[in-house]
Amino acid sequence: MFSHHLRPWLARPISKCPSYRLFSVFSVAQHENPLGLPRKGAPPTMPRKGGAIDKRPIPNVGKVIAVASGKGGVGKSTIAVNLAFSLSHLKKTDGSGRLRVGILDLDIFGPSVPTLVGLQNSGEPSLTEKNALRPLINHGLPSMSMGYLLPKTPDDPDAQNDTPIVWRGLMVQKAVQQLLFDVDWRASPGGPGIDVLVIDMPPGTGDVPLTLAQLVKVDVGALIVSTPQDVALSDVRKGIAMLRKVAVPITGIVLNESHFICPSCTTPHYLFGAPDGFRATAKRLGVDILAELPLVPSVSTNGDAGIPFSLVSSEVQKKDGNGGAQWNEKMMEVAESVWKTLA
């Protein structure tokens, strides 16, 4: 089943067809090429039982930091996007300029990055001469997401955001491979790549983190995001155990929605419980706590508007009192800690 706008081209000779992707949101798509990219050689090889693991670096990427969580709904994607923009404010180790940062959304079934960077209604990414995907850019930061690749409904262009992906595990694994290895992160052909790639991982301990750990030959670090509730912490423990089992180092852990500071005071209010359980979990697992971020309403409203809170002016931050300024300060501290670990 192909997208409607591809059918007229399917009757043409291949030599006269532009570089369209043959993409389907259903499981009848080709297992070796779920994103429908024009062929350019052998696809990455998944490791088989008893065989050698074919690891390789992500093209044109220096360092990788994966933002993960055991449970969905803890603000992981929001943290990932704001971490990317905070990292882009830092200078390179040699002082030659600011870090060039990209963000890759590997949440195949529920991509959030397009909305958070204001590109949810964008067109499809273009292809390079070698048939690699070109990232979309907004606010000066390149990003790639499954959300950019979903076909639009002709009668309702905005319905792209509601198109479900109905794939089994093998399709997901192959799509992840293509998003990892078939994206050209260079600013221009022959130009430099990016210094840091922030990967927004899907929640849980399934195919995507396993695929990343098995195939990517990069010094990968993982930043774990949680909220104070015990149900979130339980899944965090499982997620950290899984990442360690596949030899992905844990850079640190961030507590999101730790407390609320009302605009008229400086007293923290622990709406979802005191952070004692979170701190005890981090200590028991031997994981560094990088930040305890307050609950700030503007972080959510700006995310929905496609403007990451790391980019808002100090005037906007003042609407949330001390909480807004504290959130951005702590996010910059997280970025500094992550870069210090990766550099």
Foldseek 3Di string as FASTA:
>chain_A
DFDPVCVVVVPPDPVPDDQDFREDLAAVADLQRRLRFPDQDHFQDCDDVPDDFAADAQPQEAAEEEEAFQDPDQCRLLLLVLLQVLQQVDADPVRPGGFAEAEEELPQFQGQQCQQQVNLLPEAFDADPSRFGEFDDGPRYGYDYNLNRQDADPVDSSCSNVDGRHHDLSSSLSVLSSSRHRYQQAPDVVHHHGHYYYYHYDHRQDDNLVSCLRHYDHLYEYEYEAEQDPVRLVSRVVVVVNCVVSPHHYLAYEYEQQFADAQVGGDTHRPRDHNPVVVVSCVVVVGHYQYYAHDFVVCVVSSSNNHHLLPDDVVVLSVRHPRSVVRNVSSSSSSVSVVVVRD
